[in-house]
């Protein structure tokens, strides 16, 4: 029995000692072969994918235009943008298409989506003008978000919108101020026409009746606080002078403890007394 165990143990040791040691250059060849096979596989996959992506069935055949097209014709829009498009369903640059649509007058925002297998869908949002912006010689408008945009003024549906002025960077503030002041003048039965913000930050309003209102400097809260003081006292002051609000020529709110007022037919200049 002991001889058998010894023989078995000797055989195992002999088998272990005869294990093949793979040389490093052979290992390197195996690694290079595996790498080349992987590259070849990826190349085949990429080639098949590239061929599939560029199949004629995926060539863009049309664009569906939806949303607000009150000032633009959908057919004209497609024709203008299509000439600047490149690629197919998979490769078309949606950002480029979006910018192309947003470069059209009256278009504020464009949302572009792919529509399998060969179309694009575009949803448009147009500018909603609320005021003219800048000088009368300019063709710029302000939308309901306080954003400045250029458009053909002949396309305006409502030409009786106010004119607002100010630095372009402050357009949203000017529109916000107008919205705050309009109901305050309306409560006095006065119609706010135009509003402007000077480069130095001073506000001036023009009423449709022709009066000029110097509002002074400040943000919306500060200016409306001064206007609130006017709302409470203006009617009484005008009536005391025997006039109506429609006779208002100007108001100056740039005083700390009150305001200056000028009315048609009322003067603070003493009449000259004729000498005999």
Protein backbone atom coordinates (compact mmCIF):
# COMPACT_ATOMS: atom_id res chain seq x y z
CA UNK A 1 0.00 0.00 0.00
CA UNK A 2 2.75 2.43 0.85
CA UNK A 3 4.45 1.74 -2.46
CA UNK A 4 1.23 2.64 -4.37
CA UNK A 5 0.88 5.97 -2.56
CA UNK A 6 4.48 6.81 -3.29
CA UNK A 7 4.02 6.02 -6.97
CA UNK A 8 0.88 8.19 -7.26
CA UNK A 9 2.53 11.12 -5.50
CA UNK A 10 5.54 10.85 -7.77
CA UNK A 11 3.29 10.88 -10.89
CA UNK A 12 1.52 14.09 -9.79
CA UNK A 13 4.80 15.84 -9.19
CA UNK A 14 6.02 14.69 -12.56
CA UNK A 15 2.90 16.04 -14.30
CA UNK A 16 3.30 19.43 -12.57
CA UNK A 17 6.90 19.67 -13.57
CA UNK A 18 6.05 19.04 -17.23
CA UNK A 19 3.51 22.04 -17.48
CA UNK A 20 4.19 24.17 -20.61
CA UNK A 21 5.42 27.75 -20.02
CA UNK A 22 4.22 30.04 -22.86
CA UNK A 23 6.97 32.39 -24.06
CA UNK A 24 6.30 36.16 -23.87
CA UNK A 25 6.54 36.63 -27.62
CA UNK A 26 3.81 34.03 -28.16
CA UNK A 27 1.61 35.83 -25.60
CA UNK A 28 2.24 39.10 -27.42
CA UNK A 29 1.21 37.56 -30.74
CA UNK A 30 -2.03 36.31 -29.15
CA UNK A 31 -2.77 39.79 -27.78
CA UNK A 32 -2.05 41.45 -31.12
CA UNK A 33 -4.23 38.93 -32.90
CA UNK A 34 -7.10 39.51 -30.46
CA UNK A 35 -6.76 43.28 -30.86
CA UNK A 36 -6.75 43.06 -34.65
CA UNK A 37 -9.81 40.81 -34.60
CA UNK A 38 -11.64 43.29 -32.36
CA UNK A 39 -10.72 46.18 -34.67
CA UNK A 40 -11.87 44.19 -37.68
CA UNK A 41 -15.18 43.41 -35.98
CA UNK A 42 -15.72 47.06 -35.06
CA UNK A 43 -14.84 48.10 -38.60
CA UNK A 44 -17.42 45.72 -40.06
CA UNK A 45 -20.07 46.90 -37.60
CA UNK A 46 -19.31 50.56 -38.36
CA UNK A 47 -19.40 49.95 -42.11
CA UNK A 48 -22.76 48.19 -41.87
CA UNK A 49 -24.10 50.98 -39.62
CA UNK A 50 -22.81 53.72 -41.94
CA UNK A 51 -24.37 52.04 -44.95
CA UNK A 52 -27.69 51.61 -43.13
CA UNK A 53 -27.76 55.23 -41.93
CA UNK A 54 -27.15 56.55 -45.46
CA UNK A 55 -29.74 54.42 -47.17
CA UNK A 56 -31.96 56.44 -49.56
CA UNK A 57 -35.02 55.66 -47.47
CA UNK A 58 -33.69 58.03 -44.77
CA UNK A 59 -33.21 61.00 -47.12
CA UNK A 60 -35.35 63.88 -45.87
CA UNK A 61 -38.40 64.35 -48.07
CA UNK A 62 -40.27 67.07 -46.17
CA UNK A 63 -40.80 69.27 -43.14
CA UNK A 64 -44.08 69.54 -41.27
CA UNK A 65 -44.59 73.09 -39.96
CA UNK A 66 -47.05 73.59 -37.11
CA UNK A 67 -47.83 76.21 -34.50
CA UNK A 68 -48.14 79.94 -35.06
CA UNK A 69 -47.77 80.97 -38.68
CA UNK A 70 -49.93 84.12 -38.71
CA UNK A 71 -47.19 86.24 -40.29
CA UNK A 72 -45.45 83.55 -42.33
CA UNK A 73 -46.57 81.13 -44.98
CA UNK A 74 -45.66 77.52 -44.11
CA UNK A 75 -44.79 76.73 -47.73
CA UNK A 76 -42.45 79.73 -47.98
CA UNK A 77 -40.86 78.83 -44.66
CA UNK A 78 -40.09 75.31 -45.81
CA UNK A 79 -38.67 76.54 -49.11
CA UNK A 80 -36.35 79.07 -47.44
CA UNK A 81 -35.05 76.67 -44.82
CA UNK A 82 -34.72 73.57 -46.98
CA UNK A 83 -32.04 75.19 -49.13
CA UNK A 84 -29.83 75.57 -46.04
CA UNK A 85 -30.33 72.03 -44.73
CA UNK A 86 -27.78 69.22 -45.02
CA UNK A 87 -27.82 65.55 -44.07
CA UNK A 88 -30.63 63.04 -43.74
CA UNK A 89 -32.97 61.85 -40.98
CA UNK A 90 -30.08 60.72 -38.79
CA UNK A 91 -27.39 63.25 -39.66
CA UNK A 92 -29.35 66.50 -40.04
CA UNK A 93 -28.22 69.14 -37.53
CA UNK A 94 -31.42 70.02 -35.65
CA UNK A 95 -29.75 73.03 -34.07
CA UNK A 96 -28.94 74.40 -37.51
CA UNK A 97 -32.52 73.84 -38.66
CA UNK A 98 -33.86 75.57 -35.53
CA UNK A 99 -31.62 78.61 -36.04
CA UNK A 100 -32.68 78.78 -39.68
CA UNK A 101 -36.36 79.00 -38.72
CA UNK A 102 -35.69 81.45 -35.89
CA UNK A 103 -33.89 83.70 -38.36
CA UNK A 104 -37.16 84.29 -40.21
CA UNK A 105 -38.99 87.55 -39.32
CA UNK A 106 -41.71 87.19 -36.65
CA UNK A 107 -40.49 83.75 -35.52
CA UNK A 108 -39.50 83.78 -31.84
CA UNK A 109 -38.92 80.09 -31.11
CA UNK A 110 -38.74 76.92 -33.19
CA UNK A 111 -38.84 73.38 -31.81
CA UNK A 112 -37.49 70.75 -34.23
CA UNK A 113 -38.02 66.97 -33.94
CA UNK A 114 -37.22 64.02 -36.17
CA UNK A 115 -40.19 62.14 -37.61
CA UNK A 116 -39.18 58.61 -38.64
CA UNK A 117 -38.14 57.67 -41.24
CA UNK A 118 -37.56 60.74 -43.43
CA UNK A 119 -39.27 63.90 -42.14
CA UNK A 120 -38.79 66.71 -39.64
CA UNK A 121 -41.53 68.32 -37.55
CA UNK A 122 -41.20 71.99 -36.59
CA UNK A 123 -43.44 73.83 -34.11
CA UNK A 124 -43.20 77.62 -34.28
CA UNK A 125 -43.95 80.36 -31.78
CA UNK A 126 -44.26 83.86 -33.19
CA UNK A 127 -43.51 87.20 -31.56
CA UNK A 128 -46.58 88.93 -30.14
CA UNK A 129 -45.88 92.67 -30.49
CA UNK A 130 -46.96 94.91 -27.62
CA UNK A 131 -45.05 98.11 -28.44
CA UNK A 132 -42.83 99.88 -30.92
CA UNK A 133 -39.24 100.04 -29.72
CA UNK A 134 -36.80 102.88 -30.24
CA UNK A 135 -37.05 105.81 -32.61
CA UNK A 136 -39.84 106.24 -35.12
CA UNK A 137 -37.38 105.67 -37.95
CA UNK A 138 -36.66 102.16 -36.68
CA UNK A 139 -38.61 99.02 -37.60
CA UNK A 140 -38.15 97.33 -34.24
CA UNK A 141 -40.83 96.01 -31.94
CA UNK A 142 -41.15 94.67 -28.42
CA UNK A 143 -42.88 91.37 -27.70
CA UNK A 144 -44.86 90.36 -24.63
CA UNK A 145 -41.69 89.03 -22.98
CA UNK A 146 -39.94 92.38 -23.30
CA UNK A 147 -37.70 91.11 -26.11
CA UNK A 148 -36.70 93.36 -29.01
CA UNK A 149 -37.16 92.04 -32.55
CA UNK A 150 -37.23 93.39 -36.09
CA UNK A 151 -40.15 92.95 -38.45
CA UNK A 152 -42.02 94.56 -41.30
CA UNK A 153 -44.24 97.15 -39.61
CA UNK A 154 -46.72 96.81 -42.46
CA UNK A 155 -47.57 93.36 -41.11
CA UNK A 156 -48.78 94.78 -37.78
CA UNK A 157 -52.38 93.94 -37.02
CA UNK A 158 -52.66 96.62 -34.33
CA UNK A 159 -50.87 99.86 -35.16
CA UNK A 160 -52.11 101.67 -32.03
CA UNK A 161 -49.55 100.18 -29.70
CA UNK A 162 -47.34 102.43 -27.54
CA UNK A 163 -43.76 103.38 -28.28
CA UNK A 164 -41.18 102.49 -25.67
CA UNK A 165 -37.57 103.65 -25.61
CA UNK A 166 -34.48 102.82 -23.66
CA UNK A 167 -31.22 100.86 -23.82
CA UNK A 168 -31.76 97.50 -25.50
CA UNK A 169 -30.36 95.77 -22.42
CA UNK A 170 -33.21 97.29 -20.34
CA UNK A 171 -36.09 96.40 -22.67
CA UNK A 172 -37.67 93.97 -20.21
CA UNK A 173 -37.52 96.54 -17.41
CA UNK A 174 -39.14 99.19 -19.63
CA UNK A 175 -41.99 96.85 -20.52
CA UNK A 176 -42.45 95.90 -16.87
CA UNK A 177 -42.59 99.57 -15.89
CA UNK A 178 -45.16 100.30 -18.58
CA UNK A 179 -47.37 97.47 -17.34
CA UNK A 180 -47.16 98.81 -13.78
CA UNK A 181 -47.92 102.43 -14.71
CA UNK A 182 -50.70 101.88 -17.25
CA UNK A 183 -53.45 100.95 -14.74
CA UNK A 184 -52.38 103.77 -12.40
CA UNK A 185 -52.94 106.38 -15.11
CA UNK A 186 -56.08 104.61 -16.21
CA UNK A 187 -57.49 104.99 -12.69
CA UNK A 188 -57.13 108.76 -13.20
CA UNK A 189 -58.91 108.50 -16.58
CA UNK A 190 -55.61 109.37 -18.25
CA UNK A 191 -54.22 107.31 -21.12
CA UNK A 192 -50.54 106.41 -20.96
CA UNK A 193 -49.05 106.64 -24.42
CA UNK A 194 -45.28 106.33 -24.64
CA UNK A 195 -42.62 105.63 -22.04
CA UNK A 196 -38.88 106.09 -22.20
CA UNK A 197 -35.85 105.37 -20.04
CA UNK A 198 -32.87 107.66 -20.56
CA UNK A 199 -29.27 106.53 -20.62
CA UNK A 200 -28.91 108.05 -17.15
CA UNK A 201 -31.79 106.01 -15.77
CA UNK A 202 -34.51 108.66 -15.65
CA UNK A 203 -38.11 107.80 -16.62
CA UNK A 204 -40.44 109.98 -18.70
CA UNK A 205 -44.02 109.19 -19.72
CA UNK A 206 -46.13 110.79 -22.44
CA UNK A 207 -49.89 110.76 -22.12
CA UNK A 208 -52.12 110.49 -25.18
CA UNK A 209 -53.67 113.81 -24.12
CA UNK A 210 -50.26 115.40 -24.72
CA UNK A 211 -49.02 115.80 -21.14
CA UNK A 212 -45.44 114.96 -20.19
CA UNK A 213 -44.75 113.20 -16.88
CA UNK A 214 -41.29 113.32 -15.36
CA UNK A 215 -41.14 110.20 -13.19
CA UNK A 216 -37.57 110.48 -11.95
CA UNK A 217 -35.19 107.61 -11.36
CA UNK A 218 -35.68 104.27 -9.66
CA UNK A 219 -37.00 100.78 -10.12
CA UNK A 220 -40.64 99.80 -10.56
CA UNK A 221 -41.39 99.89 -6.84
CA UNK A 222 -39.89 103.37 -6.36
CA UNK A 223 -41.58 104.94 -9.37
CA UNK A 224 -44.99 103.44 -8.64
CA UNK A 225 -44.72 104.66 -5.04
CA UNK A 226 -44.39 108.23 -6.32
CA UNK A 227 -47.26 107.68 -8.72
CA UNK A 228 -49.42 106.38 -5.87
CA UNK A 229 -48.95 109.71 -4.11
CA UNK A 230 -50.15 111.45 -7.28
CA UNK A 231 -53.17 109.17 -7.54
CA UNK A 232 -54.31 110.19 -4.07
CA UNK A 233 -54.05 113.95 -4.55
CA UNK A 234 -54.04 114.96 -8.22
CA UNK A 235 -57.80 115.14 -8.75
CA UNK A 236 -58.28 117.31 -5.69
CA UNK A 237 -55.49 119.67 -6.74
CA UNK A 238 -56.89 120.07 -10.24
CA UNK A 239 -60.42 120.69 -8.99
CA UNK A 240 -59.19 123.28 -6.52
CA UNK A 241 -57.69 125.17 -9.45
CA UNK A 242 -61.00 124.98 -11.30
CA UNK A 243 -59.77 122.65 -14.01
CA UNK A 244 -60.23 119.09 -15.22
CA UNK A 245 -57.62 116.37 -15.54
CA UNK A 246 -57.73 116.73 -19.31
CA UNK A 247 -56.14 120.18 -18.92
CA UNK A 248 -52.98 118.63 -17.54
CA UNK A 249 -49.83 119.79 -19.31
CA UNK A 250 -47.08 118.28 -17.23
CA UNK A 251 -46.22 116.64 -13.93
CA UNK A 252 -42.82 116.51 -12.30
CA UNK A 253 -42.42 113.82 -9.63
CA UNK A 254 -38.72 114.45 -9.04
CA UNK A 255 -39.35 116.26 -5.76
CA UNK A 256 -38.88 114.67 -2.35
CA UNK A 257 -42.04 115.96 -0.67
CA UNK A 258 -44.44 116.58 -3.53
CA UNK A 259 -44.74 117.19 -7.24
CA UNK A 260 -44.97 120.10 -9.64
CA UNK A 261 -48.00 120.46 -11.87
CA UNK A 262 -48.83 122.57 -14.90
CA UNK A 263 -52.34 123.00 -16.29
CA UNK A 264 -53.68 124.69 -19.38
CA UNK A 265 -55.05 128.10 -18.48
CA UNK A 266 -53.38 128.25 -15.07
CA UNK A 267 -50.29 130.39 -14.56
CA UNK A 268 -48.20 131.33 -11.56
CA UNK A 269 -46.98 134.49 -13.30
CA UNK A 270 -48.58 137.64 -11.94
CA UNK A 271 -50.36 139.74 -14.53
CA UNK A 272 -48.82 143.17 -15.11
CA UNK A 273 -50.89 146.00 -13.63
CA UNK A 274 -51.37 148.77 -16.22
CA UNK A 275 -50.25 152.24 -15.13
CA UNK A 276 -52.45 155.24 -15.63
